[in-house]
Amino acid sequence: MFLPRPPTQSPFYTDDIVGILPERHINNGQPSLHAFLLSQAAPRAGEHIVHVGAGAGYYSAIMAKLVAASGKVTAIEFEPELAALQAEATFQAHGDGHHRAS
């Protein structure tokens, strides 16, 4: 499912799919679709989200902001290369060791 490009006022926003591991045809997914799905799920502070197929963790990070410090996001990724990217990004963002890539 792909949504049409949303109208935008900013020349800096594009609704583009970005290759994470392009040689394996793995991408970030269409941003407007993920935004729509997150708006429908309407996560709130304090909730626990389980994100299966978390990729490099971009959308997991957005979900973490939505559930705030009182909530929790469990990001699961089965592709070792993507799990390693996610773990490194988490460590760089938080530096607290609350990640596991295995």
PDB file of N, CA and C in Angstrom:
ATOM      1  N   MET A   1       0.839  -1.168   0.000  1.00  0.00           N
ATOM      2  CA  MET A   1       0.000   0.000   0.000  1.00  0.00           C
ATOM      3  C   MET A   1       0.886   1.233   0.000  1.00  0.00           C
ATOM      4  N   PHE A   2       0.686   2.118  -0.938  1.00  0.00           N
ATOM      5  CA  PHE A   2       1.386   3.387  -0.967  1.00  0.00           C
ATOM      6  C   PHE A   2       0.364   4.499  -1.006  1.00  0.00           C
ATOM      7  N   LEU A   3       0.632   5.507  -0.235  1.00  0.00           N
ATOM      8  CA  LEU A   3      -0.257   6.657  -0.187  1.00  0.00           C
ATOM      9  C   LEU A   3       0.266   7.718  -1.139  1.00  0.00           C
ATOM     10  N   PRO A   4      -0.616   8.551  -1.682  1.00  0.00           N
ATOM     11  CA  PRO A   4      -0.131   9.639  -2.536  1.00  0.00           C
ATOM     12  C   PRO A   4       0.697  10.618  -1.711  1.00  0.00           C
ATOM     13  N   ARG A   5       1.589  11.307  -2.381  1.00  0.00           N
ATOM     14  CA  ARG A   5       2.420  12.296  -1.686  1.00  0.00           C
ATOM     15  C   ARG A   5       1.548  13.359  -1.026  1.00  0.00           C
ATOM     16  N   PRO A   6       1.799  13.603   0.263  1.00  0.00           N
ATOM     17  CA  PRO A   6       1.020  14.639   0.934  1.00  0.00           C
ATOM     18  C   PRO A   6       1.470  16.018   0.476  1.00  0.00           C
ATOM     19  N   PRO A   7       0.560  16.984   0.469  1.00  0.00           N
ATOM     20  CA  PRO A   7       0.991  18.344   0.130  1.00  0.00           C
ATOM     21  C   PRO A   7       1.924  18.841   1.235  1.00  0.00           C
ATOM     22  N   THR A   8       2.901  19.604   0.851  1.00  0.00           N
ATOM     23  CA  THR A   8       3.864  20.086   1.841  1.00  0.00           C
ATOM     24  C   THR A   8       4.212  21.539   1.577  1.00  0.00           C
ATOM     25  N   GLN A   9       4.492  22.243   2.632  1.00  0.00           N
ATOM     26  CA  GLN A   9       4.918  23.627   2.536  1.00  0.00           C
ATOM     27  C   GLN A   9       6.438  23.723   2.523  1.00  0.00           C
ATOM     28  N   SER A  10       7.108  22.676   2.948  1.00  0.00           N
ATOM     29  CA  SER A  10       8.551  22.710   3.114  1.00  0.00           C
ATOM     30  C   SER A  10       9.265  22.101   1.916  1.00  0.00           C
ATOM     31  N   PRO A  11      10.272  22.795   1.401  1.00  0.00           N
ATOM     32  CA  PRO A  11      11.079  22.199   0.328  1.00  0.00           C
ATOM     33  C   PRO A  11      12.046  21.144   0.871  1.00  0.00           C
ATOM     34  N   PHE A  12      12.111  20.990   2.207  1.00  0.00           N
ATOM     35  CA  PHE A  12      13.051  20.065   2.821  1.00  0.00           C
ATOM     36  C   PHE A  12      12.468  18.683   3.061  1.00  0.00           C
ATOM     37  N   TYR A  13      11.155  18.528   2.968  1.00  0.00           N
ATOM     38  CA  TYR A  13      10.516  17.237   3.209  1.00  0.00           C
ATOM     39  C   TYR A  13      10.218  16.547   1.889  1.00  0.00           C
ATOM     40  N   THR A  14      10.603  15.294   1.796  1.00  0.00           N
ATOM     41  CA  THR A  14      10.190  14.467   0.665  1.00  0.00           C
ATOM     42  C   THR A  14       9.694  13.140   1.233  1.00  0.00           C
ATOM     43  N   ASP A  15       8.729  12.553   0.600  1.00  0.00           N
ATOM     44  CA  ASP A  15       8.109  11.308   1.047  1.00  0.00           C
ATOM     45  C   ASP A  15       8.763  10.139   0.312  1.00  0.00           C
ATOM     46  N   ASP A  16      10.070  10.049   0.435  1.00  0.00           N
ATOM     47  CA  ASP A  16      10.831   9.081  -0.347  1.00  0.00           C
ATOM     48  C   ASP A  16      11.187   7.837   0.448  1.00  0.00           C
ATOM     49  N   ILE A  17      11.212   6.737  -0.251  1.00  0.00           N
ATOM     50  CA  ILE A  17      11.694   5.479   0.310  1.00  0.00           C
ATOM     51  C   ILE A  17      13.217   5.496   0.173  1.00  0.00           C
ATOM     52  N   VAL A  18      13.907   5.157   1.259  1.00  0.00           N
ATOM     53  CA  VAL A  18      15.371   5.175   1.276  1.00  0.00           C
ATOM     54  C   VAL A  18      15.879   3.753   1.451  1.00  0.00           C
ATOM     55  N   GLY A  19      16.816   3.359   0.621  1.00  0.00           N
ATOM     56  CA  GLY A  19      17.396   2.026   0.724  1.00  0.00           C
ATOM     57  C   GLY A  19      18.290   1.907   1.954  1.00  0.00           C
ATOM     58  N   ILE A  20      17.991   0.950   2.824  1.00  0.00           N
ATOM     59  CA  ILE A  20      18.838   0.682   3.982  1.00  0.00           C
ATOM     60  C   ILE A  20      19.889  -0.354   3.586  1.00  0.00           C
ATOM     61  N   LEU A  21      19.441  -1.417   2.956  1.00  0.00           N
ATOM     62  CA  LEU A  21      20.325  -2.413   2.335  1.00  0.00           C
ATOM     63  C   LEU A  21      19.801  -2.610   0.914  1.00  0.00           C
ATOM     64  N   PRO A  22      20.069  -1.649   0.043  1.00  0.00           N
ATOM     65  CA  PRO A  22      19.464  -1.691  -1.301  1.00  0.00           C
ATOM     66  C   PRO A  22      19.795  -2.938  -2.102  1.00  0.00           C
ATOM     67  N   GLU A  23      20.982  -3.504  -1.878  1.00  0.00           N
ATOM     68  CA  GLU A  23      21.353  -4.713  -2.619  1.00  0.00           C
ATOM     69  C   GLU A  23      20.452  -5.890  -2.263  1.00  0.00           C
ATOM     70  N   ARG A  24      19.763  -5.791  -1.119  1.00  0.00           N
ATOM     71  CA  ARG A  24      18.829  -6.842  -0.691  1.00  0.00           C
ATOM     72  C   ARG A  24      17.387  -6.359  -0.782  1.00  0.00           C
ATOM     73  N   HIS A  25      17.184  -5.190  -1.378  1.00  0.00           N
ATOM     74  CA  HIS A  25      15.854  -4.601  -1.562  1.00  0.00           C
ATOM     75  C   HIS A  25      15.160  -4.333  -0.221  1.00  0.00           C
ATOM     76  N   ILE A  26      15.936  -3.905   0.772  1.00  0.00           N
ATOM     77  CA  ILE A  26      15.384  -3.550   2.086  1.00  0.00           C
ATOM     78  C   ILE A  26      15.429  -2.034   2.200  1.00  0.00           C
ATOM     79  N   ASN A  27      14.265  -1.451   2.503  1.00  0.00           N
ATOM     80  CA  ASN A  27      14.181   0.009   2.594  1.00  0.00           C
ATOM     81  C   ASN A  27      13.470   0.437   3.872  1.00  0.00           C
ATOM     82  N   ASN A  28      13.364   1.749   4.054  1.00  0.00           N
ATOM     83  CA  ASN A  28      12.750   2.303   5.261  1.00  0.00           C
ATOM     84  C   ASN A  28      11.220   2.324   5.215  1.00  0.00           C
ATOM     85  N   GLY A  29      10.636   2.027   4.081  1.00  0.00           N
ATOM     86  CA  GLY A  29       9.180   2.134   3.950  1.00  0.00           C
ATOM     87  C   GLY A  29       8.774   3.577   3.675  1.00  0.00           C
ATOM     88  N   GLN A  30       7.599   3.751   3.142  1.00  0.00           N
ATOM     89  CA  GLN A  30       7.146   5.096   2.780  1.00  0.00           C
ATOM     90  C   GLN A  30       6.793   5.889   4.040  1.00  0.00           C
ATOM     91  N   PRO A  31       7.476   7.007   4.280  1.00  0.00           N
ATOM     92  CA  PRO A  31       7.244   7.775   5.503  1.00  0.00           C
ATOM     93  C   PRO A  31       5.787   8.166   5.739  1.00  0.00           C
ATOM     94  N   SER A  32       5.076   8.584   4.708  1.00  0.00           N
ATOM     95  CA  SER A  32       3.678   8.995   4.915  1.00  0.00           C
ATOM     96  C   SER A  32       2.800   7.814   5.323  1.00  0.00           C
ATOM     97  N   LEU A  33       3.107   6.617   4.839  1.00  0.00           N
ATOM     98  CA  LEU A  33       2.348   5.441   5.249  1.00  0.00           C
ATOM     99  C   LEU A  33       2.588   5.159   6.730  1.00  0.00           C
ATOM    100  N   HIS A  34       3.838   5.201   7.149  1.00  0.00           N
ATOM    101  CA  HIS A  34       4.144   4.966   8.564  1.00  0.00           C
ATOM    102  C   HIS A  34       3.520   6.041   9.443  1.00  0.00           C
ATOM    103  N   ALA A  35       3.552   7.285   8.999  1.00  0.00           N
ATOM    104  CA  ALA A  35       2.924   8.368   9.765  1.00  0.00           C
ATOM    105  C   ALA A  35       1.424   8.119   9.905  1.00  0.00           C
ATOM    106  N   PHE A  36       0.791   7.692   8.831  1.00  0.00           N
ATOM    107  CA  PHE A  36      -0.646   7.384   8.873  1.00  0.00           C
ATOM    108  C   PHE A  36      -0.928   6.244   9.841  1.00  0.00           C
ATOM    109  N   LEU A  37      -0.146   5.168   9.746  1.00  0.00           N
ATOM    110  CA  LEU A  37      -0.360   4.012  10.622  1.00  0.00           C
ATOM    111  C   LEU A  37      -0.142   4.375  12.090  1.00  0.00           C
ATOM    112  N   LEU A  38       0.900   5.163  12.367  1.00  0.00           N
ATOM    113  CA  LEU A  38       1.135   5.598  13.746  1.00  0.00           C
ATOM    114  C   LEU A  38       0.000   6.492  14.243  1.00  0.00           C
ATOM    115  N   SER A  39      -0.529   7.333  13.364  1.00  0.00           N
ATOM    116  CA  SER A  39      -1.638   8.191  13.796  1.00  0.00           C
ATOM    117  C   SER A  39      -2.883   7.366  14.099  1.00  0.00           C
ATOM    118  N   GLN A  40      -3.079   6.275  13.374  1.00  0.00           N
ATOM    119  CA  GLN A  40      -4.229   5.406  13.633  1.00  0.00           C
ATOM    120  C   GLN A  40      -4.041   4.600  14.918  1.00  0.00           C
ATOM    121  N   ALA A  41      -2.815   4.178  15.187  1.00  0.00           N
ATOM    122  CA  ALA A  41      -2.537   3.440  16.422  1.00  0.00           C
ATOM    123  C   ALA A  41      -2.613   4.366  17.639  1.00  0.00           C
ATOM    124  N   ALA A  42      -2.263   5.629  17.444  1.00  0.00           N
ATOM    125  CA  ALA A  42      -2.333   6.666  18.483  1.00  0.00           C
ATOM    126  C   ALA A  42      -1.665   6.252  19.799  1.00  0.00           C
ATOM    127  N   PRO A  43      -0.386   5.850  19.754  1.00  0.00           N
ATOM    128  CA  PRO A  43       0.288   5.487  20.995  1.00  0.00           C
ATOM    129  C   PRO A  43       0.381   6.678  21.942  1.00  0.00           C
ATOM    130  N   ARG A  44       0.254   6.376  23.247  1.00  0.00           N
ATOM    131  CA  ARG A  44       0.270   7.436  24.264  1.00  0.00           C
ATOM    132  C   ARG A  44       1.382   7.166  25.269  1.00  0.00           C
ATOM    133  N   ALA A  45       1.726   8.208  25.993  1.00  0.00           N
ATOM    134  CA  ALA A  45       2.744   8.100  27.038  1.00  0.00           C
ATOM    135  C   ALA A  45       2.390   6.957  27.981  1.00  0.00           C
ATOM    136  N   GLY A  46       3.408   6.173  28.326  1.00  0.00           N
ATOM    137  CA  GLY A  46       3.227   5.077  29.264  1.00  0.00           C
ATOM    138  C   GLY A  46       2.906   3.742  28.631  1.00  0.00           C
ATOM    139  N   GLU A  47       2.595   3.720  27.345  1.00  0.00           N
ATOM    140  CA  GLU A  47       2.250   2.458  26.692  1.00  0.00           C
ATOM    141  C   GLU A  47       3.503   1.683  26.289  1.00  0.00           C
ATOM    142  N   HIS A  48       3.305   0.386  26.016  1.00  0.00           N
ATOM    143  CA  HIS A  48       4.381  -0.491  25.564  1.00  0.00           C
ATOM    144  C   HIS A  48       4.072  -0.903  24.130  1.00  0.00           C
ATOM    145  N   ILE A  49       5.007  -0.633  23.230  1.00  0.00           N
ATOM    146  CA  ILE A  49       4.869  -0.995  21.819  1.00  0.00           C
ATOM    147  C   ILE A  49       5.884  -2.083  21.503  1.00  0.00           C
ATOM    148  N   VAL A  50       5.453  -3.115  20.785  1.00  0.00           N
ATOM    149  CA  VAL A  50       6.359  -4.131  20.263  1.00  0.00           C
ATOM    150  C   VAL A  50       6.430  -3.914  18.759  1.00  0.00           C
ATOM    151  N   HIS A  51       7.618  -3.591  18.278  1.00  0.00           N
ATOM    152  CA  HIS A  51       7.832  -3.281  16.863  1.00  0.00           C
ATOM    153  C   HIS A  51       8.613  -4.439  16.235  1.00  0.00           C
ATOM    154  N   VAL A  52       7.913  -5.316  15.522  1.00  0.00           N
ATOM    155  CA  VAL A  52       8.529  -6.470  14.878  1.00  0.00           C
ATOM    156  C   VAL A  52       8.918  -6.071  13.458  1.00  0.00           C
ATOM    157  N   GLY A  53      10.158  -6.363  13.098  1.00  0.00           N
ATOM    158  CA  GLY A  53      10.672  -5.939  11.794  1.00  0.00           C
ATOM    159  C   GLY A  53      11.091  -4.490  11.866  1.00  0.00           C
ATOM    160  N   ALA A  54      11.858  -4.148  12.895  1.00  0.00           N
ATOM    161  CA  ALA A  54      12.176  -2.753  13.207  1.00  0.00           C
ATOM    162  C   ALA A  54      13.232  -2.136  12.299  1.00  0.00           C
ATOM    163  N   GLY A  55      13.844  -2.933  11.442  1.00  0.00           N
ATOM    164  CA  GLY A  55      14.830  -2.377  10.521  1.00  0.00           C
ATOM    165  C   GLY A  55      15.980  -1.727  11.263  1.00  0.00           C
ATOM    166  N   ALA A  56      16.364  -0.534  10.843  1.00  0.00           N
ATOM    167  CA  ALA A  56      17.483   0.180  11.467  1.00  0.00           C
ATOM    168  C   ALA A  56      17.046   0.994  12.675  1.00  0.00           C
ATOM    169  N   GLY A  57      15.768   0.972  13.008  1.00  0.00           N
ATOM    170  CA  GLY A  57      15.296   1.602  14.235  1.00  0.00           C
ATOM    171  C   GLY A  57      14.709   2.988  14.111  1.00  0.00           C
ATOM    172  N   TYR A  58      14.604   3.521  12.893  1.00  0.00           N
ATOM    173  CA  TYR A  58      14.095   4.881  12.713  1.00  0.00           C
ATOM    174  C   TYR A  58      12.681   5.040  13.274  1.00  0.00           C
ATOM    175  N   TYR A  59      11.780   4.159  12.860  1.00  0.00           N
ATOM    176  CA  TYR A  59      10.397   4.275  13.335  1.00  0.00           C
ATOM    177  C   TYR A  59      10.269   3.864  14.801  1.00  0.00           C
ATOM    178  N   SER A  60      11.137   2.977  15.268  1.00  0.00           N
ATOM    179  CA  SER A  60      11.153   2.620  16.687  1.00  0.00           C
ATOM    180  C   SER A  60      11.485   3.854  17.527  1.00  0.00           C
ATOM    181  N   ALA A  61      12.422   4.661  17.042  1.00  0.00           N
ATOM    182  CA  ALA A  61      12.799   5.886  17.753  1.00  0.00           C
ATOM    183  C   ALA A  61      11.629   6.871  17.808  1.00  0.00           C
ATOM    184  N   ILE A  62      10.882   6.970  16.711  1.00  0.00           N
ATOM    185  CA  ILE A  62       9.707   7.847  16.703  1.00  0.00           C
ATOM    186  C   ILE A  62       8.682   7.342  17.712  1.00  0.00           C
ATOM    187  N   MET A  63       8.460   6.030  17.727  1.00  0.00           N
ATOM    188  CA  MET A  63       7.513   5.451  18.688  1.00  0.00           C
ATOM    189  C   MET A  63       7.965   5.712  20.123  1.00  0.00           C
ATOM    190  N   ALA A  64       9.272   5.633  20.370  1.00  0.00           N
ATOM    191  CA  ALA A  64       9.798   5.885  21.712  1.00  0.00           C
ATOM    192  C   ALA A  64       9.482   7.310  22.153  1.00  0.00           C
ATOM    193  N   LYS A  65       9.562   8.244  21.249  1.00  0.00           N
ATOM    194  CA  LYS A  65       9.196   9.630  21.584  1.00  0.00           C
ATOM    195  C   LYS A  65       7.715   9.731  21.911  1.00  0.00           C
ATOM    196  N   LEU A  66       6.885   8.981  21.191  1.00  0.00           N
ATOM    197  CA  LEU A  66       5.437   9.049  21.403  1.00  0.00           C
ATOM    198  C   LEU A  66       5.014   8.447  22.740  1.00  0.00           C
ATOM    199  N   VAL A  67       5.682   7.387  23.175  1.00  0.00           N
ATOM    200  CA  VAL A  67       5.311   6.768  24.457  1.00  0.00           C
ATOM    201  C   VAL A  67       6.058   7.399  25.626  1.00  0.00           C
ATOM    202  N   ALA A  68       7.021   8.246  25.341  1.00  0.00           N
ATOM    203  CA  ALA A  68       7.765   9.026  26.332  1.00  0.00           C
ATOM    204  C   ALA A  68       8.555   8.142  27.289  1.00  0.00           C
ATOM    205  N   ALA A  69       9.163   8.767  28.266  1.00  0.00           N
ATOM    206  CA  ALA A  69      10.026   8.054  29.214  1.00  0.00           C
ATOM    207  C   ALA A  69       9.243   7.052  30.058  1.00  0.00           C
ATOM    208  N   SER A  70       7.951   7.287  30.219  1.00  0.00           N
ATOM    209  CA  SER A  70       7.139   6.362  31.016  1.00  0.00           C
ATOM    210  C   SER A  70       6.697   5.133  30.224  1.00  0.00           C
ATOM    211  N   GLY A  71       6.919   5.143  28.909  1.00  0.00           N
ATOM    212  CA  GLY A  71       6.549   4.017  28.056  1.00  0.00           C
ATOM    213  C   GLY A  71       7.750   3.187  27.674  1.00  0.00           C
ATOM    214  N   LYS A  72       7.516   2.246  26.772  1.00  0.00           N
ATOM    215  CA  LYS A  72       8.575   1.323  26.373  1.00  0.00           C
ATOM    216  C   LYS A  72       8.342   0.867  24.941  1.00  0.00           C
ATOM    217  N   VAL A  73       9.415   0.761  24.176  1.00  0.00           N
ATOM    218  CA  VAL A  73       9.353   0.182  22.835  1.00  0.00           C
ATOM    219  C   VAL A  73      10.311  -1.004  22.806  1.00  0.00           C
ATOM    220  N   THR A  74       9.777  -2.168  22.459  1.00  0.00           N
ATOM    221  CA  THR A  74      10.598  -3.353  22.249  1.00  0.00           C
ATOM    222  C   THR A  74      10.730  -3.512  20.741  1.00  0.00           C
ATOM    223  N   ALA A  75      11.938  -3.265  20.218  1.00  0.00           N
ATOM    224  CA  ALA A  75      12.187  -3.334  18.778  1.00  0.00           C
ATOM    225  C   ALA A  75      12.844  -4.671  18.459  1.00  0.00           C
ATOM    226  N   ILE A  76      12.224  -5.434  17.571  1.00  0.00           N
ATOM    227  CA  ILE A  76      12.732  -6.753  17.197  1.00  0.00           C
ATOM    228  C   ILE A  76      13.099  -6.734  15.719  1.00  0.00           C
ATOM    229  N   GLU A  77      14.318  -7.138  15.424  1.00  0.00           N
ATOM    230  CA  GLU A  77      14.773  -7.235  14.043  1.00  0.00           C
ATOM    231  C   GLU A  77      15.517  -8.555  13.879  1.00  0.00           C
ATOM    232  N   PHE A  78      15.161  -9.314  12.850  1.00  0.00           N
ATOM    233  CA  PHE A  78      15.742 -10.628  12.627  1.00  0.00           C
ATOM    234  C   PHE A  78      16.944 -10.608  11.690  1.00  0.00           C
ATOM    235  N   GLU A  79      17.074  -9.567  10.895  1.00  0.00           N
ATOM    236  CA  GLU A  79      18.220  -9.446   9.990  1.00  0.00           C
ATOM    237  C   GLU A  79      19.412  -8.925  10.786  1.00  0.00           C
ATOM    238  N   PRO A  80      20.481  -9.715  10.927  1.00  0.00           N
ATOM    239  CA  PRO A  80      21.613  -9.310  11.757  1.00  0.00           C
ATOM    240  C   PRO A  80      22.221  -7.959  11.380  1.00  0.00           C
ATOM    241  N   GLU A  81      22.320  -7.668  10.081  1.00  0.00           N
ATOM    242  CA  GLU A  81      22.900  -6.390   9.649  1.00  0.00           C
ATOM    243  C   GLU A  81      22.060  -5.216  10.136  1.00  0.00           C
ATOM    244  N   LEU A  82      20.735  -5.354  10.045  1.00  0.00           N
ATOM    245  CA  LEU A  82      19.855  -4.276  10.488  1.00  0.00           C
ATOM    246  C   LEU A  82      19.838  -4.159  12.004  1.00  0.00           C
ATOM    247  N   ALA A  83      19.867  -5.290  12.689  1.00  0.00           N
ATOM    248  CA  ALA A  83      19.902  -5.270  14.152  1.00  0.00           C
ATOM    249  C   ALA A  83      21.164  -4.561  14.644  1.00  0.00           C
ATOM    250  N   ALA A  84      22.282  -4.777  13.976  1.00  0.00           N
ATOM    251  CA  ALA A  84      23.531  -4.116  14.352  1.00  0.00           C
ATOM    252  C   ALA A  84      23.430  -2.605  14.131  1.00  0.00           C
ATOM    253  N   LEU A  85      22.825  -2.180  13.008  1.00  0.00           N
ATOM    254  CA  LEU A  85      22.623  -0.752  12.764  1.00  0.00           C
ATOM    255  C   LEU A  85      21.758  -0.135  13.857  1.00  0.00           C
ATOM    256  N   GLN A  86      20.695  -0.846  14.221  1.00  0.00           N
ATOM    257  CA  GLN A  86      19.786  -0.364  15.251  1.00  0.00           C
ATOM    258  C   GLN A  86      20.491  -0.250  16.590  1.00  0.00           C
ATOM    259  N   ALA A  87      21.273  -1.258  16.945  1.00  0.00           N
ATOM    260  CA  ALA A  87      21.985  -1.247  18.224  1.00  0.00           C
ATOM    261  C   ALA A  87      22.974  -0.092  18.285  1.00  0.00           C
ATOM    262  N   GLU A  88      23.700   0.141  17.208  1.00  0.00           N
ATOM    263  CA  GLU A  88      24.669   1.234  17.173  1.00  0.00           C
ATOM    264  C   GLU A  88      23.970   2.589  17.287  1.00  0.00           C
ATOM    265  N   ALA A  89      22.868   2.758  16.573  1.00  0.00           N
ATOM    266  CA  ALA A  89      22.125   4.024  16.641  1.00  0.00           C
ATOM    267  C   ALA A  89      21.570   4.248  18.043  1.00  0.00           C
ATOM    268  N   THR A  90      21.086   3.192  18.676  1.00  0.00           N
ATOM    269  CA  THR A  90      20.563   3.302  20.041  1.00  0.00           C
ATOM    270  C   THR A  90      21.676   3.694  21.000  1.00  0.00           C
ATOM    271  N   PHE A  91      22.827   3.056  20.855  1.00  0.00           N
ATOM    272  CA  PHE A  91      23.947   3.366  21.733  1.00  0.00           C
ATOM    273  C   PHE A  91      24.402   4.806  21.538  1.00  0.00           C
ATOM    274  N   GLN A  92      24.488   5.258  20.286  1.00  0.00           N
ATOM    275  CA  GLN A  92      24.905   6.636  20.024  1.00  0.00           C
ATOM    276  C   GLN A  92      23.906   7.635  20.595  1.00  0.00           C
ATOM    277  N   ALA A  93      22.626   7.299  20.519  1.00  0.00           N
ATOM    278  CA  ALA A  93      21.599   8.214  21.013  1.00  0.00           C
ATOM    279  C   ALA A  93      21.530   8.244  22.533  1.00  0.00           C
ATOM    280  N   HIS A  94      21.742   7.081  23.168  1.00  0.00           N
ATOM    281  CA  HIS A  94      21.529   6.993  24.613  1.00  0.00           C
ATOM    282  C   HIS A  94      22.784   6.661  25.395  1.00  0.00           C
ATOM    283  N   GLY A  95      23.695   5.913  24.797  1.00  0.00           N
ATOM    284  CA  GLY A  95      24.921   5.544  25.462  1.00  0.00           C
ATOM    285  C   GLY A  95      24.738   4.778  26.746  1.00  0.00           C
ATOM    286  N   ASP A  96      23.564   4.177  26.934  1.00  0.00           N
ATOM    287  CA  ASP A  96      23.280   3.533  28.213  1.00  0.00           C
ATOM    288  C   ASP A  96      23.322   2.010  28.155  1.00  0.00           C
ATOM    289  N   GLY A  97      23.653   1.450  26.998  1.00  0.00           N
ATOM    290  CA  GLY A  97      23.768   0.003  26.902  1.00  0.00           C
ATOM    291  C   GLY A  97      22.459  -0.744  26.902  1.00  0.00           C
ATOM    292  N   HIS A  98      21.329  -0.053  26.830  1.00  0.00           N
ATOM    293  CA  HIS A  98      20.026  -0.729  26.827  1.00  0.00           C
ATOM    294  C   HIS A  98      19.668  -1.180  25.423  1.00  0.00           C
ATOM    295  N   HIS A  99      20.497  -2.025  24.873  1.00  0.00           N
ATOM    296  CA  HIS A  99      20.218  -2.619  23.568  1.00  0.00           C
ATOM    297  C   HIS A  99      20.923  -3.958  23.493  1.00  0.00           C
ATOM    298  N   ARG A 100      20.448  -4.765  22.590  1.00  0.00           N
ATOM    299  CA  ARG A 100      21.081  -6.057  22.377  1.00  0.00           C
ATOM    300  C   ARG A 100      20.978  -6.396  20.899  1.00  0.00           C
ATOM    301  N   ALA A 101      22.085  -6.651  20.279  1.00  0.00           N
ATOM    302  CA  ALA A 101      22.098  -7.091  18.875  1.00  0.00           C
ATOM    303  C   ALA A 101      22.589  -8.515  18.857  1.00  0.00           C
ATOM    304  N   SER A 102      21.682  -9.434  18.567  1.00  0.00           N
ATOM    305  CA  SER A 102      22.090 -10.828  18.492  1.00  0.00           C
ATOM    306  C   SER A 102      21.205 -11.567  17.530  1.00  0.00           C
TER     307      SER A 102
END
